[in-house]
N, C-alpha and C. Protein backbone atom coordinates (compact mmCIF):
# COMPACT_ATOMS: atom_id res chain seq x y z
N UNK A 1 -5.85 -6.85 8.40
CA UNK A 1 -5.86 -5.41 8.29
C UNK A 1 -6.32 -5.03 6.88
N UNK A 2 -7.17 -4.03 6.80
CA UNK A 2 -7.64 -3.51 5.52
C UNK A 2 -6.74 -2.34 5.10
N UNK A 3 -6.80 -2.01 3.82
CA UNK A 3 -6.00 -0.87 3.37
C UNK A 3 -6.61 -0.23 2.13
N UNK A 4 -6.12 0.95 1.84
CA UNK A 4 -6.55 1.71 0.67
C UNK A 4 -5.41 1.86 -0.33
N UNK A 5 -4.48 0.94 -0.33
CA UNK A 5 -3.32 1.03 -1.21
C UNK A 5 -3.75 0.95 -2.67
N UNK A 6 -4.59 0.01 -3.01
CA UNK A 6 -5.04 -0.14 -4.39
C UNK A 6 -5.74 1.12 -4.89
N UNK A 7 -6.65 1.66 -4.08
CA UNK A 7 -7.35 2.89 -4.47
C UNK A 7 -6.38 4.04 -4.68
N UNK A 8 -5.41 4.17 -3.79
CA UNK A 8 -4.43 5.25 -3.89
C UNK A 8 -3.56 5.07 -5.13
N UNK A 9 -3.17 3.85 -5.41
CA UNK A 9 -2.35 3.56 -6.59
C UNK A 9 -3.13 3.87 -7.85
N UNK A 10 -4.37 3.43 -7.91
CA UNK A 10 -5.18 3.67 -9.10
C UNK A 10 -5.48 5.15 -9.31
N UNK A 11 -5.59 5.90 -8.22
CA UNK A 11 -5.81 7.34 -8.31
C UNK A 11 -4.66 8.02 -9.07
N UNK A 12 -3.46 7.50 -8.89
CA UNK A 12 -2.29 8.03 -9.60
C UNK A 12 -2.12 7.40 -10.98
N UNK A 13 -2.97 6.45 -11.32
CA UNK A 13 -2.88 5.71 -12.59
C UNK A 13 -1.56 4.96 -12.70
N UNK A 14 -1.11 4.42 -11.57
CA UNK A 14 0.13 3.64 -11.53
C UNK A 14 -0.22 2.16 -11.62
N UNK A 15 0.66 1.41 -12.26
CA UNK A 15 0.55 -0.04 -12.26
C UNK A 15 1.09 -0.57 -10.94
N UNK A 16 0.79 -1.84 -10.67
CA UNK A 16 1.37 -2.46 -9.48
C UNK A 16 2.89 -2.51 -9.59
N UNK A 17 3.39 -2.70 -10.80
CA UNK A 17 4.85 -2.74 -10.99
C UNK A 17 5.47 -1.38 -10.71
N UNK A 18 4.83 -0.31 -11.12
CA UNK A 18 5.35 1.04 -10.86
C UNK A 18 5.44 1.29 -9.36
N UNK A 19 4.39 0.91 -8.63
CA UNK A 19 4.43 1.09 -7.17
C UNK A 19 5.52 0.23 -6.56
N UNK A 20 5.64 -1.01 -7.02
CA UNK A 20 6.69 -1.89 -6.51
C UNK A 20 8.07 -1.28 -6.74
N UNK A 21 8.29 -0.72 -7.92
CA UNK A 21 9.57 -0.09 -8.22
C UNK A 21 9.82 1.11 -7.31
N UNK A 22 8.80 1.91 -7.08
CA UNK A 22 8.93 3.08 -6.20
C UNK A 22 9.29 2.67 -4.77
N UNK A 23 8.75 1.52 -4.35
CA UNK A 23 8.95 1.05 -2.97
C UNK A 23 10.17 0.16 -2.81
N UNK A 24 10.71 -0.33 -3.92
CA UNK A 24 11.84 -1.25 -3.83
C UNK A 24 11.44 -2.65 -3.39
N UNK A 25 10.23 -3.05 -3.77
CA UNK A 25 9.74 -4.39 -3.44
C UNK A 25 9.29 -5.07 -4.73
N UNK A 26 8.88 -6.33 -4.63
CA UNK A 26 8.40 -7.04 -5.80
C UNK A 26 6.94 -6.70 -6.07
N UNK A 27 6.52 -6.92 -7.30
CA UNK A 27 5.12 -6.73 -7.67
C UNK A 27 4.23 -7.66 -6.84
N UNK A 28 4.72 -8.86 -6.57
CA UNK A 28 3.96 -9.81 -5.77
C UNK A 28 3.71 -9.27 -4.36
N UNK A 29 4.65 -8.54 -3.81
CA UNK A 29 4.46 -7.93 -2.48
C UNK A 29 3.34 -6.91 -2.54
N UNK A 30 3.33 -6.09 -3.58
CA UNK A 30 2.27 -5.09 -3.73
C UNK A 30 0.91 -5.78 -3.86
N UNK A 31 0.84 -6.82 -4.67
CA UNK A 31 -0.41 -7.57 -4.84
C UNK A 31 -0.88 -8.12 -3.49
N UNK A 32 0.03 -8.71 -2.73
CA UNK A 32 -0.33 -9.30 -1.43
C UNK A 32 -0.80 -8.25 -0.44
N UNK A 33 -0.18 -7.09 -0.45
CA UNK A 33 -0.60 -6.00 0.44
C UNK A 33 -1.98 -5.52 0.04
N UNK A 34 -2.18 -5.28 -1.25
CA UNK A 34 -3.48 -4.78 -1.72
C UNK A 34 -4.61 -5.75 -1.41
N UNK A 35 -4.35 -7.03 -1.49
CA UNK A 35 -5.39 -8.04 -1.23
C UNK A 35 -5.56 -8.35 0.26
N UNK A 36 -4.73 -7.75 1.11
CA UNK A 36 -4.84 -7.96 2.54
C UNK A 36 -4.25 -9.27 3.02
N UNK A 37 -3.45 -9.92 2.18
CA UNK A 37 -2.83 -11.20 2.57
C UNK A 37 -1.50 -10.99 3.29
N UNK A 38 -0.96 -9.78 3.21
CA UNK A 38 0.34 -9.48 3.81
C UNK A 38 0.26 -8.09 4.42
N UNK A 39 0.60 -7.99 5.69
CA UNK A 39 0.69 -6.69 6.36
C UNK A 39 2.13 -6.22 6.28
N UNK A 40 2.36 -5.03 5.73
CA UNK A 40 3.73 -4.56 5.58
C UNK A 40 4.38 -4.25 6.92
N UNK A 41 5.69 -4.33 6.93
CA UNK A 41 6.44 -3.91 8.12
C UNK A 41 6.20 -2.42 8.33
N UNK A 42 6.50 -1.93 9.50
CA UNK A 42 6.32 -0.50 9.78
C UNK A 42 7.16 0.37 8.84
N UNK A 43 8.44 0.03 8.61
CA UNK A 43 9.21 0.85 7.66
C UNK A 43 8.59 0.86 6.26
N UNK A 44 8.09 -0.28 5.79
CA UNK A 44 7.47 -0.33 4.48
C UNK A 44 6.16 0.46 4.48
N UNK A 45 5.39 0.37 5.53
CA UNK A 45 4.15 1.14 5.62
C UNK A 45 4.43 2.64 5.56
N UNK A 46 5.50 3.08 6.21
CA UNK A 46 5.90 4.49 6.13
C UNK A 46 6.29 4.87 4.71
N UNK A 47 6.99 3.99 3.99
CA UNK A 47 7.38 4.27 2.61
C UNK A 47 6.16 4.35 1.72
N UNK A 48 5.20 3.44 1.93
CA UNK A 48 3.97 3.47 1.15
C UNK A 48 3.24 4.79 1.38
N UNK A 49 3.11 5.18 2.63
CA UNK A 49 2.42 6.43 2.96
C UNK A 49 3.14 7.62 2.31
N UNK A 50 4.46 7.62 2.34
CA UNK A 50 5.23 8.72 1.76
C UNK A 50 5.03 8.80 0.25
N UNK A 51 5.01 7.66 -0.42
CA UNK A 51 4.80 7.63 -1.87
C UNK A 51 3.47 8.29 -2.23
N UNK A 52 2.45 8.07 -1.41
CA UNK A 52 1.13 8.62 -1.68
C UNK A 52 0.89 9.95 -0.97
N UNK A 53 1.94 10.51 -0.35
CA UNK A 53 1.83 11.77 0.38
C UNK A 53 0.66 11.70 1.36
N UNK A 54 0.66 10.63 2.13
CA UNK A 54 -0.43 10.33 3.04
C UNK A 54 0.15 9.91 4.39
N UNK A 55 -0.73 9.46 5.27
CA UNK A 55 -0.28 8.91 6.55
C UNK A 55 -0.63 7.42 6.60
N UNK A 56 0.04 6.72 7.47
CA UNK A 56 -0.25 5.30 7.65
C UNK A 56 -1.72 5.11 8.05
N UNK A 57 -2.20 5.99 8.92
CA UNK A 57 -3.58 5.86 9.42
C UNK A 57 -4.61 6.07 8.31
N UNK A 58 -4.27 6.84 7.28
CA UNK A 58 -5.20 7.06 6.17
C UNK A 58 -5.22 5.86 5.21
N UNK A 59 -4.14 5.07 5.21
CA UNK A 59 -4.03 3.96 4.28
C UNK A 59 -4.36 2.61 4.89
N UNK A 60 -4.07 2.42 6.17
CA UNK A 60 -4.25 1.12 6.82
C UNK A 60 -5.17 1.26 8.02
N UNK A 61 -6.05 0.27 8.19
CA UNK A 61 -6.98 0.32 9.31
C UNK A 61 -7.40 -1.10 9.66
N UNK A 62 -7.83 -1.32 10.91
CA UNK A 62 -8.23 -2.66 11.35
C UNK A 62 -9.46 -3.16 10.59
N UNK A 63 -9.58 -4.47 10.48
CA UNK A 63 -10.78 -5.06 9.88
C UNK A 63 -12.02 -4.51 10.58
N UNK A 64 -13.05 -4.24 9.80
CA UNK A 64 -14.29 -3.74 10.37
C UNK A 64 -14.35 -2.23 10.47
N UNK A 65 -13.25 -1.55 10.19
CA UNK A 65 -13.21 -0.09 10.22
C UNK A 65 -12.92 0.43 8.82
N UNK A 66 -13.76 1.31 8.33
CA UNK A 66 -13.49 1.93 7.02
C UNK A 66 -13.96 3.34 7.00
């Protein structure tokens, strides 16, 4: 799954650690999500979307769709 988490985070000028703190996860989790190595659980995806005042569909999408 592809995502726009990194772009959204950088738009706010947040570090990966700041996002991790906001979400209650480790920095390594944020790195893995941004690189597409880890797909977040649905509850975590909702928290990510809420932090960016966005929707899950705007942040996450299947490979090949952008």
